[in-house]
PDB file of all heavy atoms in Angstrom:
ATOM      1  N   SER A   1      98.479  91.321 113.933  1.00  0.00           N
ATOM      2  CA  SER A   1      97.038  91.158 113.939  1.00  0.00           C
ATOM      3  C   SER A   1      96.654  89.883 114.682  1.00  0.00           C
ATOM      4  O   SER A   1      97.462  88.997 114.916  1.00  0.00           O
ATOM      5  CB  SER A   1      96.522  91.122 112.506  1.00  0.00           C
ATOM      6  OG  SER A   1      97.009  90.010 111.824  1.00  0.00           O
ATOM      7  N   SER A   2      95.359  89.783 115.001  1.00  0.00           N
ATOM      8  CA  SER A   2      94.891  88.587 115.747  1.00  0.00           C
ATOM      9  C   SER A   2      95.115  87.309 114.933  1.00  0.00           C
ATOM     10  O   SER A   2      95.387  86.262 115.488  1.00  0.00           O
ATOM     11  CB  SER A   2      93.426  88.753 116.140  1.00  0.00           C
ATOM     12  OG  SER A   2      92.631  88.910 114.976  1.00  0.00           O
ATOM     13  N   SER A   3      95.001  87.422 113.611  1.00  0.00           N
ATOM     14  CA  SER A   3      95.232  86.251 112.762  1.00  0.00           C
ATOM     15  C   SER A   3      96.682  85.924 112.616  1.00  0.00           C
ATOM     16  O   SER A   3      97.032  84.788 112.194  1.00  0.00           O
ATOM     17  CB  SER A   3      94.645  86.518 111.353  1.00  0.00           C
ATOM     18  OG  SER A   3      95.391  87.541 110.714  1.00  0.00           O
ATOM     19  N   GLY A   4      97.545  86.877 112.917  1.00  0.00           N
ATOM     20  CA  GLY A   4      98.988  86.692 112.715  1.00  0.00           C
ATOM     21  C   GLY A   4      99.442  86.950 111.304  1.00  0.00           C
ATOM     22  O   GLY A   4     100.637  86.958 111.037  1.00  0.00           O
ATOM     23  N   VAL A   5      98.499  87.254 110.407  1.00  0.00           N
ATOM     24  CA  VAL A   5      98.825  87.447 109.008  1.00  0.00           C
ATOM     25  C   VAL A   5      99.533  88.791 108.768  1.00  0.00           C
ATOM     26  O   VAL A   5     100.429  88.906 107.962  1.00  0.00           O
ATOM     27  CB  VAL A   5      97.568  87.372 108.153  1.00  0.00           C
ATOM     28  CG1 VAL A   5      97.818  87.830 106.731  1.00  0.00           C
ATOM     29  CG2 VAL A   5      97.024  85.926 108.133  1.00  0.00           C
ATOM     30  N   SER A   6      99.078  89.836 109.496  1.00  0.00           N
ATOM     31  CA  SER A   6      99.598  91.168 109.262  1.00  0.00           C
ATOM     32  C   SER A   6     100.462  91.647 110.399  1.00  0.00           C
ATOM     33  O   SER A   6     100.131  91.435 111.581  1.00  0.00           O
ATOM     34  CB  SER A   6      98.418  92.151 109.079  1.00  0.00           C
ATOM     35  OG  SER A   6      97.640  91.771 107.971  1.00  0.00           O
ATOM     36  N   THR A   7     101.545  92.322 110.017  1.00  0.00           N
ATOM     37  CA  THR A   7     102.412  92.956 110.997  1.00  0.00           C
ATOM     38  C   THR A   7     102.738  94.376 110.539  1.00  0.00           C
ATOM     39  O   THR A   7     102.722  94.652 109.323  1.00  0.00           O
ATOM     40  CB  THR A   7     103.727  92.176 111.171  1.00  0.00           C
ATOM     41  OG1 THR A   7     104.395  92.093 109.908  1.00  0.00           O
ATOM     42  CG2 THR A   7     103.485  90.790 111.702  1.00  0.00           C
ATOM     43  N   GLU A   8     102.979  95.237 111.470  1.00  0.00           N
ATOM     44  CA  GLU A   8     103.322  96.609 111.163  1.00  0.00           C
ATOM     45  C   GLU A   8     104.490  97.026 112.055  1.00  0.00           C
ATOM     46  O   GLU A   8     104.646  96.538 113.165  1.00  0.00           O
ATOM     47  CB  GLU A   8     102.158  97.533 111.430  1.00  0.00           C
ATOM     48  CG  GLU A   8     100.927  97.291 110.524  1.00  0.00           C
ATOM     49  CD  GLU A   8     101.179  97.665 109.087  1.00  0.00           C
ATOM     50  OE1 GLU A   8     102.054  98.503 108.825  1.00  0.00           O
ATOM     51  OE2 GLU A   8     100.498  97.106 108.207  1.00  0.00           O
ATOM     52  N   TYR A   9     105.335  97.950 111.510  1.00  0.00           N
ATOM     53  CA  TYR A   9     106.504  98.416 112.248  1.00  0.00           C
ATOM     54  C   TYR A   9     106.630  99.903 112.134  1.00  0.00           C
ATOM     55  O   TYR A   9     106.346 100.507 111.070  1.00  0.00           O
ATOM     56  CB  TYR A   9     107.783  97.765 111.704  1.00  0.00           C
ATOM     57  CG  TYR A   9     107.799  96.251 111.830  1.00  0.00           C
ATOM     58  CD1 TYR A   9     107.302  95.461 110.794  1.00  0.00           C
ATOM     59  CD2 TYR A   9     108.260  95.645 112.996  1.00  0.00           C
ATOM     60  CE1 TYR A   9     107.306  94.063 110.915  1.00  0.00           C
ATOM     61  CE2 TYR A   9     108.281  94.257 113.099  1.00  0.00           C
ATOM     62  CZ  TYR A   9     107.774  93.483 112.086  1.00  0.00           C
ATOM     63  OH  TYR A   9     107.797  92.104 112.202  1.00  0.00           O
ATOM     64  N   ALA A  10     107.158 100.501 113.186  1.00  0.00           N
ATOM     65  CA  ALA A  10     107.560 101.909 113.099  1.00  0.00           C
ATOM     66  C   ALA A  10     108.775 102.010 112.167  1.00  0.00           C
ATOM     67  O   ALA A  10     109.585 101.070 112.078  1.00  0.00           O
ATOM     68  CB  ALA A  10     107.926 102.436 114.480  1.00  0.00           C
ATOM     69  N   ASP A  11     108.899 103.119 111.472  1.00  0.00           N
ATOM     70  CA  ASP A  11     110.008 103.294 110.510  1.00  0.00           C
ATOM     71  C   ASP A  11     111.355 103.117 111.217  1.00  0.00           C
ATOM     72  O   ASP A  11     112.309 102.620 110.605  1.00  0.00           O
ATOM     73  CB  ASP A  11     109.928 104.669 109.864  1.00  0.00           C
ATOM     74  CG  ASP A  11     108.805 104.804 108.888  1.00  0.00           C
ATOM     75  OD1 ASP A  11     108.259 103.756 108.472  1.00  0.00           O
ATOM     76  OD2 ASP A  11     108.426 105.927 108.524  1.00  0.00           O
ATOM     77  N   SER A  12     111.437 103.520 112.468  1.00  0.00           N
ATOM     78  CA  SER A  12     112.732 103.489 113.171  1.00  0.00           C
ATOM     79  C   SER A  12     113.229 102.078 113.442  1.00  0.00           C
ATOM     80  O   SER A  12     114.419 101.900 113.751  1.00  0.00           O
ATOM     81  CB  SER A  12     112.610 104.257 114.484  1.00  0.00           C
ATOM     82  OG  SER A  12     111.588 103.676 115.293  1.00  0.00           O
ATOM     83  N   VAL A  13     112.336 101.070 113.332  1.00  0.00           N
ATOM     84  CA  VAL A  13     112.773  99.702 113.646  1.00  0.00           C
ATOM     85  C   VAL A  13     112.628  98.742 112.467  1.00  0.00           C
ATOM     86  O   VAL A  13     113.001  97.570 112.572  1.00  0.00           O
ATOM     87  CB  VAL A  13     111.984  99.151 114.868  1.00  0.00           C
ATOM     88  CG1 VAL A  13     112.094 100.077 116.058  1.00  0.00           C
ATOM     89  CG2 VAL A  13     110.540  98.871 114.538  1.00  0.00           C
ATOM     90  N   LYS A  14     112.075  99.217 111.363  1.00  0.00           N
ATOM     91  CA  LYS A  14     111.903  98.353 110.190  1.00  0.00           C
ATOM     92  C   LYS A  14     113.219  97.744 109.732  1.00  0.00           C
ATOM     93  O   LYS A  14     114.218  98.439 109.649  1.00  0.00           O
ATOM     94  CB  LYS A  14     111.272  99.166 109.027  1.00  0.00           C
ATOM     95  CG  LYS A  14     109.788  99.296 109.115  1.00  0.00           C
ATOM     96  CD  LYS A  14     109.241 100.074 107.918  1.00  0.00           C
ATOM     97  CE  LYS A  14     107.752 100.250 108.037  1.00  0.00           C
ATOM     98  NZ  LYS A  14     107.201 101.086 106.930  1.00  0.00           N
ATOM     99  N   GLY A  15     113.195  96.466 109.451  1.00  0.00           N
ATOM    100  CA  GLY A  15     114.380  95.755 109.042  1.00  0.00           C
ATOM    101  C   GLY A  15     115.271  95.269 110.166  1.00  0.00           C
ATOM    102  O   GLY A  15     116.210  94.508 109.945  1.00  0.00           O
ATOM    103  N   ARG A  16     114.982  95.744 111.379  1.00  0.00           N
ATOM    104  CA  ARG A  16     115.776  95.309 112.552  1.00  0.00           C
ATOM    105  C   ARG A  16     114.940  94.500 113.555  1.00  0.00           C
ATOM    106  O   ARG A  16     115.497  93.599 114.184  1.00  0.00           O
ATOM    107  CB  ARG A  16     116.344  96.538 113.271  1.00  0.00           C
ATOM    108  CG  ARG A  16     117.260  97.397 112.422  1.00  0.00           C
ATOM    109  CD  ARG A  16     117.962  98.480 113.244  1.00  0.00           C
ATOM    110  NE  ARG A  16     116.993  99.392 113.848  1.00  0.00           N
ATOM    111  CZ  ARG A  16     116.909  99.634 115.149  1.00  0.00           C
ATOM    112  NH1 ARG A  16     117.708  98.988 116.010  1.00  0.00           N
ATOM    113  NH2 ARG A  16     116.042 100.526 115.631  1.00  0.00           N
ATOM    114  N   PHE A  17     113.681  94.808 113.707  1.00  0.00           N
ATOM    115  CA  PHE A  17     112.797  94.127 114.626  1.00  0.00           C
ATOM    116  C   PHE A  17     111.822  93.236 113.890  1.00  0.00           C
ATOM    117  O   PHE A  17     111.368  93.568 112.804  1.00  0.00           O
ATOM    118  CB  PHE A  17     111.994  95.136 115.457  1.00  0.00           C
ATOM    119  CG  PHE A  17     112.800  95.954 116.435  1.00  0.00           C
ATOM    120  CD1 PHE A  17     114.169  95.953 116.429  1.00  0.00           C
ATOM    121  CD2 PHE A  17     112.116  96.729 117.386  1.00  0.00           C
ATOM    122  CE1 PHE A  17     114.897  96.711 117.333  1.00  0.00           C
ATOM    123  CE2 PHE A  17     112.840  97.490 118.315  1.00  0.00           C
ATOM    124  CZ  PHE A  17     114.233  97.463 118.280  1.00  0.00           C
ATOM    125  N   THR A  18     111.471  92.101 114.514  1.00  0.00           N
ATOM    126  CA  THR A  18     110.489  91.164 113.944  1.00  0.00           C
ATOM    127  C   THR A  18     109.525  90.755 115.053  1.00  0.00           C
ATOM    128  O   THR A  18     109.967  90.278 116.088  1.00  0.00           O
ATOM    129  CB  THR A  18     111.170  89.959 113.334  1.00  0.00           C
ATOM    130  OG1 THR A  18     112.106  90.362 112.343  1.00  0.00           O
ATOM    131  CG2 THR A  18     110.134  89.034 112.703  1.00  0.00           C
ATOM    132  N   ILE A  19     108.234  90.891 114.783  1.00  0.00           N
ATOM    133  CA  ILE A  19     107.199  90.483 115.733  1.00  0.00           C
ATOM    134  C   ILE A  19     106.617  89.172 115.258  1.00  0.00           C
ATOM    135  O   ILE A  19     106.480  88.920 114.055  1.00  0.00           O
ATOM    136  CB  ILE A  19     106.121  91.567 115.860  1.00  0.00           C
ATOM    137  CG1 ILE A  19     105.189  91.257 117.027  1.00  0.00           C
ATOM    138  CG2 ILE A  19     105.338  91.740 114.578  1.00  0.00           C
ATOM    139  CD1 ILE A  19     104.226  92.440 117.386  1.00  0.00           C
ATOM    140  N   SER A  20     106.262  88.310 116.207  1.00  0.00           N
ATOM    141  CA  SER A  20     105.610  87.039 115.870  1.00  0.00           C
ATOM    142  C   SER A  20     104.738  86.630 117.038  1.00  0.00           C
ATOM    143  O   SER A  20     104.858  87.180 118.157  1.00  0.00           O
ATOM    144  CB  SER A  20     106.664  85.974 115.581  1.00  0.00           C
ATOM    145  OG  SER A  20     107.490  85.721 116.712  1.00  0.00           O
ATOM    146  N   ARG A  21     103.852  85.669 116.776  1.00  0.00           N
ATOM    147  CA  ARG A  21     102.989  85.201 117.856  1.00  0.00           C
ATOM    148  C   ARG A  21     102.849  83.677 117.775  1.00  0.00           C
ATOM    149  O   ARG A  21     102.891  83.092 116.703  1.00  0.00           O
ATOM    150  CB  ARG A  21     101.620  85.861 117.807  1.00  0.00           C
ATOM    151  CG  ARG A  21     100.724  85.558 116.654  1.00  0.00           C
ATOM    152  CD  ARG A  21      99.500  86.463 116.627  1.00  0.00           C
ATOM    153  NE  ARG A  21      98.620  86.221 117.778  1.00  0.00           N
ATOM    154  CZ  ARG A  21      97.740  87.122 118.222  1.00  0.00           C
ATOM    155  NH1 ARG A  21      97.628  88.322 117.660  1.00  0.00           N
ATOM    156  NH2 ARG A  21      96.967  86.806 119.259  1.00  0.00           N
ATOM    157  N   ASP A  22     102.686  83.095 118.963  1.00  0.00           N
ATOM    158  CA  ASP A  22     102.436  81.659 119.083  1.00  0.00           C
ATOM    159  C   ASP A  22     101.157  81.521 119.900  1.00  0.00           C
ATOM    160  O   ASP A  22     101.183  81.610 121.127  1.00  0.00           O
ATOM    161  CB  ASP A  22     103.632  80.985 119.790  1.00  0.00           C
ATOM    162  CG  ASP A  22     103.487  79.487 119.863  1.00  0.00           C
ATOM    163  OD1 ASP A  22     102.370  78.968 119.693  1.00  0.00           O
ATOM    164  OD2 ASP A  22     104.499  78.815 120.115  1.00  0.00           O
ATOM    165  N   ASN A  23     100.035  81.279 119.198  1.00  0.00           N
ATOM    166  CA  ASN A  23      98.752  81.220 119.881  1.00  0.00           C
ATOM    167  C   ASN A  23      98.652  80.028 120.801  1.00  0.00           C
ATOM    168  O   ASN A  23      97.923  80.054 121.778  1.00  0.00           O
ATOM    169  CB  ASN A  23      97.628  81.198 118.865  1.00  0.00           C
ATOM    170  CG  ASN A  23      97.377  82.577 118.243  1.00  0.00           C
ATOM    171  OD1 ASN A  23      97.970  83.563 118.662  1.00  0.00           O
ATOM    172  ND2 ASN A  23      96.507  82.618 117.260  1.00  0.00           N
ATOM    173  N   ALA A  24      99.372  78.955 120.491  1.00  0.00           N
ATOM    174  CA  ALA A  24      99.359  77.784 121.359  1.00  0.00           C
ATOM    175  C   ALA A  24      99.971  78.074 122.728  1.00  0.00           C
ATOM    176  O   ALA A  24      99.622  77.449 123.732  1.00  0.00           O
ATOM    177  CB  ALA A  24     100.103  76.631 120.699  1.00  0.00           C
ATOM    178  N   LYS A  25     100.878  79.054 122.746  1.00  0.00           N
ATOM    179  CA  LYS A  25     101.549  79.438 124.001  1.00  0.00           C
ATOM    180  C   LYS A  25     101.056  80.764 124.540  1.00  0.00           C
ATOM    181  O   LYS A  25     101.579  81.264 125.555  1.00  0.00           O
ATOM    182  CB  LYS A  25     103.051  79.510 123.790  1.00  0.00           C
ATOM    183  CG  LYS A  25     103.723  78.196 123.454  1.00  0.00           C
ATOM    184  CD  LYS A  25     105.230  78.316 123.295  1.00  0.00           C
ATOM    185  CE  LYS A  25     105.869  76.984 123.005  1.00  0.00           C
ATOM    186  NZ  LYS A  25     107.355  77.091 122.874  1.00  0.00           N
ATOM    187  N   ASN A  26     100.040  81.355 123.864  1.00  0.00           N
ATOM    188  CA  ASN A  26      99.538  82.668 124.285  1.00  0.00           C
ATOM    189  C   ASN A  26     100.669  83.673 124.462  1.00  0.00           C
ATOM    190  O   ASN A  26     100.692  84.445 125.447  1.00  0.00           O
ATOM    191  CB  ASN A  26      98.734  82.541 125.605  1.00  0.00           C
ATOM    192  CG  ASN A  26      97.350  81.978 125.395  1.00  0.00           C
ATOM    193  OD1 ASN A  26      97.017  81.511 124.296  1.00  0.00           O
ATOM    194  ND2 ASN A  26      96.541  81.987 126.442  1.00  0.00           N
TER     195      ASN A  26
END
């Protein structure tokens, strides 16, 4: 999400993939 608070994953990648964002670096 734009706030970075919420993340969602497809079932096929849950537990293996992690998404994150760094707004200072866009």
